[in-house]
């Protein structure tokens, strides 16, 4: 994909070099020639940007994309990439990813970096307000603001200071974005049980020891059922 993009863009700029040749301009004087230069440059820039986007992702907003596709994957917007200590979040009003600020500085997580990508599927609460259903994507590092096609792998239920939370562990639909090649929770705990342990241990201790209690894991079937229940409780949030 990348090589074909580069070849196509190269052809565009070869054409640009041709039409900027003094002999060409003299023989083919045209009042619109400068507009054509600008158009060719913009097209090339856009194509180059598209080539750098990982397969299986897009930069489209996730707000109205939470209905699952026929093969069962969901669209998840990434907020914080794996390996980051900087807390970033989707700004609903501006429809973009913002870095959270505290005392004029980026808000940092004073603990180990995020062990997996953190994102959300957009749903609406019972009062029709926008809410984020938190999703953790086990895979390669994905840039904040990217929308990634993901499959449910597990559901996590826990209490944080007495408040119940339901979050989901997902796997990228694209195998190129995966770091473990499993699609069932059973296979995860058989082949990669330390991964499950590390994610739970990180969640239990990222803020303070003892704050998280009653941590329960569910498999991919229960995760999908719970996700569908959240999605079907109301209409999609407006863009």
C-alpha atoms as a PDB file:
ATOM      1  CA  UNK A   1       0.000   0.000   0.000  1.00  0.00           C
ATOM      2  CA  UNK A   2       2.729   2.459   1.014  1.00  0.00           C
ATOM      3  CA  UNK A   3       4.864   1.723  -2.069  1.00  0.00           C
ATOM      4  CA  UNK A   4       1.940   2.290  -4.437  1.00  0.00           C
ATOM      5  CA  UNK A   5       1.098   5.569  -2.697  1.00  0.00           C
ATOM      6  CA  UNK A   6       4.692   6.752  -3.006  1.00  0.00           C
ATOM      7  CA  UNK A   7       4.780   5.826  -6.707  1.00  0.00           C
ATOM      8  CA  UNK A   8       1.511   7.675  -7.359  1.00  0.00           C
ATOM      9  CA  UNK A   9       2.647  10.787  -5.511  1.00  0.00           C
ATOM     10  CA  UNK A  10       5.981  10.659  -7.353  1.00  0.00           C
ATOM     11  CA  UNK A  11       4.120  10.775 -10.653  1.00  0.00           C
ATOM     12  CA  UNK A  12       2.173  13.811  -9.496  1.00  0.00           C
ATOM     13  CA  UNK A  13       5.317  15.724  -8.616  1.00  0.00           C
ATOM     14  CA  UNK A  14       7.018  14.676 -11.847  1.00  0.00           C
ATOM     15  CA  UNK A  15       4.104  16.289 -13.668  1.00  0.00           C
ATOM     16  CA  UNK A  16       4.483  19.355 -11.472  1.00  0.00           C
ATOM     17  CA  UNK A  17       8.167  19.593 -12.415  1.00  0.00           C
ATOM     18  CA  UNK A  18       7.217  19.372 -16.087  1.00  0.00           C
ATOM     19  CA  UNK A  19       4.649  22.165 -16.039  1.00  0.00           C
ATOM     20  CA  UNK A  20       6.972  24.447 -14.060  1.00  0.00           C
ATOM     21  CA  UNK A  21       9.641  24.124 -16.749  1.00  0.00           C
ATOM     22  CA  UNK A  22      10.134  27.619 -18.304  1.00  0.00           C
ATOM     23  CA  UNK A  23       9.825  26.245 -21.852  1.00  0.00           C
ATOM     24  CA  UNK A  24       6.529  24.570 -20.986  1.00  0.00           C
ATOM     25  CA  UNK A  25       5.102  27.711 -19.424  1.00  0.00           C
ATOM     26  CA  UNK A  26       6.172  29.864 -22.363  1.00  0.00           C
ATOM     27  CA  UNK A  27       4.646  27.553 -24.949  1.00  0.00           C
ATOM     28  CA  UNK A  28       1.533  26.788 -22.920  1.00  0.00           C
ATOM     29  CA  UNK A  29       0.712  30.092 -21.241  1.00  0.00           C
ATOM     30  CA  UNK A  30      -2.495  29.730 -19.266  1.00  0.00           C
ATOM     31  CA  UNK A  31      -3.967  32.112 -16.660  1.00  0.00           C
ATOM     32  CA  UNK A  32      -5.059  29.107 -14.546  1.00  0.00           C
ATOM     33  CA  UNK A  33      -1.588  27.523 -14.426  1.00  0.00           C
ATOM     34  CA  UNK A  34      -0.828  28.742 -10.870  1.00  0.00           C
ATOM     35  CA  UNK A  35      -4.098  27.348  -9.584  1.00  0.00           C
ATOM     36  CA  UNK A  36      -3.125  24.007 -11.096  1.00  0.00           C
ATOM     37  CA  UNK A  37       0.214  24.108  -9.267  1.00  0.00           C
ATOM     38  CA  UNK A  38      -1.589  24.611  -5.962  1.00  0.00           C
ATOM     39  CA  UNK A  39      -4.116  21.871  -6.683  1.00  0.00           C
ATOM     40  CA  UNK A  40      -1.404  19.328  -7.519  1.00  0.00           C
ATOM     41  CA  UNK A  41       0.498  20.198  -4.349  1.00  0.00           C
ATOM     42  CA  UNK A  42      -2.580  19.815  -2.137  1.00  0.00           C
ATOM     43  CA  UNK A  43      -3.543  16.474  -3.676  1.00  0.00           C
ATOM     44  CA  UNK A  44      -0.035  15.150  -3.148  1.00  0.00           C
ATOM     45  CA  UNK A  45       0.015  16.299   0.482  1.00  0.00           C
ATOM     46  CA  UNK A  46      -3.333  14.659   1.233  1.00  0.00           C
ATOM     47  CA  UNK A  47      -2.283  11.374  -0.363  1.00  0.00           C
ATOM     48  CA  UNK A  48       0.999  11.355   1.552  1.00  0.00           C
ATOM     49  CA  UNK A  49      -0.895  11.863   4.824  1.00  0.00           C
ATOM     50  CA  UNK A  50      -3.225   8.986   3.982  1.00  0.00           C
ATOM     51  CA  UNK A  51      -0.286   6.663   3.300  1.00  0.00           C
ATOM     52  CA  UNK A  52       0.959   7.115   6.873  1.00  0.00           C
ATOM     53  CA  UNK A  53      -2.297   5.891   8.423  1.00  0.00           C
ATOM     54  CA  UNK A  54      -2.201   2.273   9.675  1.00  0.00           C
ATOM     55  CA  UNK A  55      -4.501  -0.193   7.966  1.00  0.00           C
ATOM     56  CA  UNK A  56      -7.598  -0.852  10.063  1.00  0.00           C
ATOM     57  CA  UNK A  57      -7.758   2.694  11.405  1.00  0.00           C
ATOM     58  CA  UNK A  58      -9.335   5.961  10.332  1.00  0.00           C
ATOM     59  CA  UNK A  59      -9.483   9.528  11.589  1.00  0.00           C
ATOM     60  CA  UNK A  60     -13.281   9.714  11.478  1.00  0.00           C
ATOM     61  CA  UNK A  61     -15.177  10.617  14.616  1.00  0.00           C
ATOM     62  CA  UNK A  62     -16.479   7.688  16.670  1.00  0.00           C
ATOM     63  CA  UNK A  63     -19.586   9.470  17.943  1.00  0.00           C
ATOM     64  CA  UNK A  64     -22.091   7.922  15.550  1.00  0.00           C
ATOM     65  CA  UNK A  65     -20.209   4.736  14.734  1.00  0.00           C
ATOM     66  CA  UNK A  66     -20.907   2.443  17.655  1.00  0.00           C
ATOM     67  CA  UNK A  67     -23.286  -0.008  15.938  1.00  0.00           C
ATOM     68  CA  UNK A  68     -21.334  -3.246  15.287  1.00  0.00           C
ATOM     69  CA  UNK A  69     -20.614  -4.371  11.750  1.00  0.00           C
ATOM     70  CA  UNK A  70     -21.679  -7.695  10.236  1.00  0.00           C
ATOM     71  CA  UNK A  71     -18.454  -9.443  11.229  1.00  0.00           C
ATOM     72  CA  UNK A  72     -18.912  -8.259  14.830  1.00  0.00           C
ATOM     73  CA  UNK A  73     -16.300  -5.513  15.022  1.00  0.00           C
ATOM     74  CA  UNK A  74     -16.889  -2.138  16.641  1.00  0.00           C
ATOM     75  CA  UNK A  75     -15.382   1.274  15.907  1.00  0.00           C
ATOM     76  CA  UNK A  76     -13.341   2.546  18.873  1.00  0.00           C
ATOM     77  CA  UNK A  77     -11.758   5.991  19.197  1.00  0.00           C
ATOM     78  CA  UNK A  78      -8.343   5.937  20.865  1.00  0.00           C
ATOM     79  CA  UNK A  79      -7.716   8.586  23.532  1.00  0.00           C
ATOM     80  CA  UNK A  80      -4.460   7.458  25.180  1.00  0.00           C
ATOM     81  CA  UNK A  81      -1.871   5.278  23.386  1.00  0.00           C
ATOM     82  CA  UNK A  82      -0.118   2.359  25.030  1.00  0.00           C
ATOM     83  CA  UNK A  83       3.134   3.436  26.691  1.00  0.00           C
ATOM     84  CA  UNK A  84       2.008   6.997  27.454  1.00  0.00           C
ATOM     85  CA  UNK A  85       1.933   8.777  30.825  1.00  0.00           C
ATOM     86  CA  UNK A  86       0.249  11.891  29.389  1.00  0.00           C
ATOM     87  CA  UNK A  87      -3.529  11.864  29.876  1.00  0.00           C
ATOM     88  CA  UNK A  88      -5.402  12.908  26.741  1.00  0.00           C
ATOM     89  CA  UNK A  89      -9.162  12.960  26.278  1.00  0.00           C
ATOM     90  CA  UNK A  90     -11.739  13.514  23.545  1.00  0.00           C
ATOM     91  CA  UNK A  91     -13.283  17.001  23.711  1.00  0.00           C
ATOM     92  CA  UNK A  92     -16.950  16.657  22.732  1.00  0.00           C
ATOM     93  CA  UNK A  93     -17.499  20.375  22.023  1.00  0.00           C
ATOM     94  CA  UNK A  94     -14.387  20.819  19.882  1.00  0.00           C
ATOM     95  CA  UNK A  95     -14.568  17.249  18.505  1.00  0.00           C
ATOM     96  CA  UNK A  96     -10.852  16.700  18.955  1.00  0.00           C
ATOM     97  CA  UNK A  97      -8.354  15.134  21.332  1.00  0.00           C
ATOM     98  CA  UNK A  98      -7.109  17.477  24.075  1.00  0.00           C
ATOM     99  CA  UNK A  99      -4.239  17.068  26.507  1.00  0.00           C
ATOM    100  CA  UNK A 100      -5.592  17.547  30.029  1.00  0.00           C
ATOM    101  CA  UNK A 101      -3.894  20.434  31.818  1.00  0.00           C
ATOM    102  CA  UNK A 102      -3.168  20.872  35.534  1.00  0.00           C
ATOM    103  CA  UNK A 103      -1.298  23.908  36.897  1.00  0.00           C
ATOM    104  CA  UNK A 104      -0.467  24.987  33.315  1.00  0.00           C
ATOM    105  CA  UNK A 105       1.256  21.660  32.623  1.00  0.00           C
ATOM    106  CA  UNK A 106       0.117  18.446  30.892  1.00  0.00           C
ATOM    107  CA  UNK A 107      -1.611  16.120  33.344  1.00  0.00           C
ATOM    108  CA  UNK A 108       0.584  13.095  33.942  1.00  0.00           C
ATOM    109  CA  UNK A 109      -0.322   9.708  35.350  1.00  0.00           C
ATOM    110  CA  UNK A 110       2.054   9.242  38.287  1.00  0.00           C
ATOM    111  CA  UNK A 111       2.348   5.525  37.812  1.00  0.00           C
ATOM    112  CA  UNK A 112       3.475   3.045  35.160  1.00  0.00           C
ATOM    113  CA  UNK A 113       2.583   4.016  31.566  1.00  0.00           C
ATOM    114  CA  UNK A 114      -0.660   2.790  30.034  1.00  0.00           C
ATOM    115  CA  UNK A 115      -0.239  -0.975  29.381  1.00  0.00           C
ATOM    116  CA  UNK A 116      -2.719  -0.954  26.466  1.00  0.00           C
ATOM    117  CA  UNK A 117      -4.393   1.673  24.289  1.00  0.00           C
ATOM    118  CA  UNK A 118      -7.352   3.314  26.054  1.00  0.00           C
ATOM    119  CA  UNK A 119     -10.334   4.545  24.077  1.00  0.00           C
ATOM    120  CA  UNK A 120     -14.100   4.543  23.992  1.00  0.00           C
ATOM    121  CA  UNK A 121     -17.243   3.598  22.134  1.00  0.00           C
ATOM    122  CA  UNK A 122     -19.745   6.463  22.164  1.00  0.00           C
ATOM    123  CA  UNK A 123     -23.143   5.713  23.666  1.00  0.00           C
ATOM    124  CA  UNK A 124     -25.886   7.791  25.275  1.00  0.00           C
ATOM    125  CA  UNK A 125     -26.999   7.573  28.864  1.00  0.00           C
ATOM    126  CA  UNK A 126     -30.588   7.144  30.022  1.00  0.00           C
ATOM    127  CA  UNK A 127     -30.977  10.948  30.153  1.00  0.00           C
ATOM    128  CA  UNK A 128     -29.781  11.210  26.502  1.00  0.00           C
ATOM    129  CA  UNK A 129     -26.452  12.752  27.523  1.00  0.00           C
ATOM    130  CA  UNK A 130     -23.210  11.702  25.838  1.00  0.00           C
ATOM    131  CA  UNK A 131     -21.194   9.054  27.617  1.00  0.00           C
ATOM    132  CA  UNK A 132     -18.031   7.104  26.907  1.00  0.00           C
ATOM    133  CA  UNK A 133     -17.992   3.351  27.256  1.00  0.00           C
ATOM    134  CA  UNK A 134     -14.360   2.738  28.155  1.00  0.00           C
ATOM    135  CA  UNK A 135     -12.466   0.283  25.966  1.00  0.00           C
ATOM    136  CA  UNK A 136      -8.920  -1.034  26.291  1.00  0.00           C
ATOM    137  CA  UNK A 137      -7.317  -2.137  23.005  1.00  0.00           C
ATOM    138  CA  UNK A 138      -4.633  -4.802  23.248  1.00  0.00           C
ATOM    139  CA  UNK A 139      -2.372  -4.123  20.280  1.00  0.00           C
ATOM    140  CA  UNK A 140       0.234  -1.861  18.729  1.00  0.00           C
ATOM    141  CA  UNK A 141       0.427   1.792  19.729  1.00  0.00           C
ATOM    142  CA  UNK A 142      -2.334   3.818  18.053  1.00  0.00           C
ATOM    143  CA  UNK A 143      -2.310   7.607  17.855  1.00  0.00           C
ATOM    144  CA  UNK A 144      -4.953   9.529  19.880  1.00  0.00           C
ATOM    145  CA  UNK A 145      -7.932  10.447  17.725  1.00  0.00           C
ATOM    146  CA  UNK A 146      -7.650   7.404  15.463  1.00  0.00           C
ATOM    147  CA  UNK A 147     -10.703   5.173  15.101  1.00  0.00           C
ATOM    148  CA  UNK A 148      -9.771   1.501  15.116  1.00  0.00           C
ATOM    149  CA  UNK A 149     -11.864  -1.508  14.134  1.00  0.00           C
ATOM    150  CA  UNK A 150     -11.913  -3.785  17.191  1.00  0.00           C
ATOM    151  CA  UNK A 151     -13.372  -7.091  18.367  1.00  0.00           C
ATOM    152  CA  UNK A 152     -14.529  -7.746  21.966  1.00  0.00           C
ATOM    153  CA  UNK A 153     -12.178 -10.013  23.895  1.00  0.00           C
ATOM    154  CA  UNK A 154     -13.358  -9.631  27.507  1.00  0.00           C
ATOM    155  CA  UNK A 155     -15.360  -7.511  29.939  1.00  0.00           C
ATOM    156  CA  UNK A 156     -14.098  -6.209  33.278  1.00  0.00           C
ATOM    157  CA  UNK A 157     -16.396  -5.359  36.178  1.00  0.00           C
ATOM    158  CA  UNK A 158     -14.961  -3.698  39.249  1.00  0.00           C
ATOM    159  CA  UNK A 159     -15.760  -1.218  42.015  1.00  0.00           C
ATOM    160  CA  UNK A 160     -13.810   2.028  42.291  1.00  0.00           C
ATOM    161  CA  UNK A 161     -14.382   3.674  45.703  1.00  0.00           C
ATOM    162  CA  UNK A 162     -17.714   1.881  45.891  1.00  0.00           C
ATOM    163  CA  UNK A 163     -18.850   2.857  42.357  1.00  0.00           C
ATOM    164  CA  UNK A 164     -19.380   0.044  39.846  1.00  0.00           C
ATOM    165  CA  UNK A 165     -17.508   0.222  36.519  1.00  0.00           C
ATOM    166  CA  UNK A 166     -17.879  -1.876  33.384  1.00  0.00           C
ATOM    167  CA  UNK A 167     -15.086  -1.677  30.827  1.00  0.00           C
ATOM    168  CA  UNK A 168     -14.072  -3.785  27.838  1.00  0.00           C
ATOM    169  CA  UNK A 169     -10.867  -5.356  26.569  1.00  0.00           C
ATOM    170  CA  UNK A 170     -10.750  -5.548  22.771  1.00  0.00           C
ATOM    171  CA  UNK A 171      -8.402  -6.774  20.063  1.00  0.00           C
ATOM    172  CA  UNK A 172      -7.770  -4.991  16.748  1.00  0.00           C
ATOM    173  CA  UNK A 173      -9.634  -6.486  13.814  1.00  0.00           C
ATOM    174  CA  UNK A 174      -6.529  -6.029  11.670  1.00  0.00           C
ATOM    175  CA  UNK A 175      -3.910  -8.680  12.434  1.00  0.00           C
ATOM    176  CA  UNK A 176      -1.208  -6.153  11.510  1.00  0.00           C
ATOM    177  CA  UNK A 177      -2.172  -4.088  14.579  1.00  0.00           C
ATOM    178  CA  UNK A 178      -2.166  -6.999  17.038  1.00  0.00           C
ATOM    179  CA  UNK A 179       0.524  -7.920  19.531  1.00  0.00           C
ATOM    180  CA  UNK A 180      -1.185 -11.189  20.533  1.00  0.00           C
ATOM    181  CA  UNK A 181      -3.144 -13.203  18.004  1.00  0.00           C
ATOM    182  CA  UNK A 182      -6.193 -14.377  19.960  1.00  0.00           C
ATOM    183  CA  UNK A 183      -9.903 -13.640  19.580  1.00  0.00           C
ATOM    184  CA  UNK A 184     -11.302 -15.585  22.547  1.00  0.00           C
ATOM    185  CA  UNK A 185     -10.870 -14.875  26.251  1.00  0.00           C
ATOM    186  CA  UNK A 186     -10.184 -18.562  26.910  1.00  0.00           C
ATOM    187  CA  UNK A 187      -7.187 -18.472  24.546  1.00  0.00           C
ATOM    188  CA  UNK A 188      -5.910 -15.283  26.179  1.00  0.00           C
ATOM    189  CA  UNK A 189      -5.779 -16.800  29.661  1.00  0.00           C
ATOM    190  CA  UNK A 190      -4.276 -20.055  28.351  1.00  0.00           C
ATOM    191  CA  UNK A 191      -1.593 -18.533  26.132  1.00  0.00           C
ATOM    192  CA  UNK A 192      -1.073 -15.076  27.642  1.00  0.00           C
ATOM    193  CA  UNK A 193      -2.313 -15.200  31.236  1.00  0.00           C
ATOM    194  CA  UNK A 194       0.359 -12.676  32.414  1.00  0.00           C
ATOM    195  CA  UNK A 195      -1.198 -10.118  30.021  1.00  0.00           C
ATOM    196  CA  UNK A 196      -4.544 -10.424  31.829  1.00  0.00           C
ATOM    197  CA  UNK A 197      -2.803 -10.225  35.201  1.00  0.00           C
ATOM    198  CA  UNK A 198      -0.756  -7.144  34.233  1.00  0.00           C
ATOM    199  CA  UNK A 199      -3.809  -5.240  32.952  1.00  0.00           C
ATOM    200  CA  UNK A 200      -5.787  -5.999  36.119  1.00  0.00           C
ATOM    201  CA  UNK A 201      -2.824  -5.173  38.390  1.00  0.00           C
ATOM    202  CA  UNK A 202      -2.325  -1.834  36.602  1.00  0.00           C
ATOM    203  CA  UNK A 203      -6.010  -0.898  36.896  1.00  0.00           C
ATOM    204  CA  UNK A 204      -6.072  -1.830  40.577  1.00  0.00           C
ATOM    205  CA  UNK A 205      -3.072   0.342  41.437  1.00  0.00           C
ATOM    206  CA  UNK A 206      -2.932   3.281  39.011  1.00  0.00           C
ATOM    207  CA  UNK A 207      -4.462   5.713  41.524  1.00  0.00           C
ATOM    208  CA  UNK A 208      -3.975   4.222  44.987  1.00  0.00           C
ATOM    209  CA  UNK A 209      -3.726   0.778  46.559  1.00  0.00           C
ATOM    210  CA  UNK A 210      -7.048  -0.590  47.832  1.00  0.00           C
ATOM    211  CA  UNK A 211      -9.250   1.781  45.853  1.00  0.00           C
ATOM    212  CA  UNK A 212     -10.337  -0.925  43.366  1.00  0.00           C
ATOM    213  CA  UNK A 213     -12.238  -3.951  44.653  1.00  0.00           C
ATOM    214  CA  UNK A 214     -14.383  -6.846  43.438  1.00  0.00           C
ATOM    215  CA  UNK A 215     -12.615  -7.268  40.103  1.00  0.00           C
ATOM    216  CA  UNK A 216     -14.366  -9.777  37.792  1.00  0.00           C
ATOM    217  CA  UNK A 217     -13.565 -10.871  34.223  1.00  0.00           C
ATOM    218  CA  UNK A 218     -16.158 -12.069  31.662  1.00  0.00           C
ATOM    219  CA  UNK A 219     -15.541 -13.697  28.288  1.00  0.00           C
ATOM    220  CA  UNK A 220     -16.039 -12.266  24.784  1.00  0.00           C
ATOM    221  CA  UNK A 221     -19.639 -13.513  24.478  1.00  0.00           C
ATOM    222  CA  UNK A 222     -20.744 -11.722  27.655  1.00  0.00           C
ATOM    223  CA  UNK A 223     -18.725  -8.676  26.633  1.00  0.00           C
ATOM    224  CA  UNK A 224     -20.539  -8.470  23.293  1.00  0.00           C
ATOM    225  CA  UNK A 225     -23.914  -8.932  24.970  1.00  0.00           C
ATOM    226  CA  UNK A 226     -23.181  -6.164  27.480  1.00  0.00           C
ATOM    227  CA  UNK A 227     -21.946  -3.829  24.737  1.00  0.00           C
ATOM    228  CA  UNK A 228     -25.098  -4.383  22.701  1.00  0.00           C
ATOM    229  CA  UNK A 229     -27.236  -3.683  25.777  1.00  0.00           C
ATOM    230  CA  UNK A 230     -25.449  -0.351  26.278  1.00  0.00           C
ATOM    231  CA  UNK A 231     -25.783   0.557  22.595  1.00  0.00           C
ATOM    232  CA  UNK A 232     -29.448  -0.389  22.321  1.00  0.00           C
ATOM    233  CA  UNK A 233     -30.603   1.564  25.361  1.00  0.00           C
ATOM    234  CA  UNK A 234     -31.014   4.731  23.268  1.00  0.00           C
ATOM    235  CA  UNK A 235     -30.348   6.398  19.926  1.00  0.00           C
ATOM    236  CA  UNK A 236     -26.785   7.257  18.797  1.00  0.00           C
ATOM    237  CA  UNK A 237     -25.383  10.495  20.229  1.00  0.00           C
ATOM    238  CA  UNK A 238     -25.565  13.467  17.829  1.00  0.00           C
ATOM    239  CA  UNK A 239     -22.433  14.691  16.074  1.00  0.00           C
END
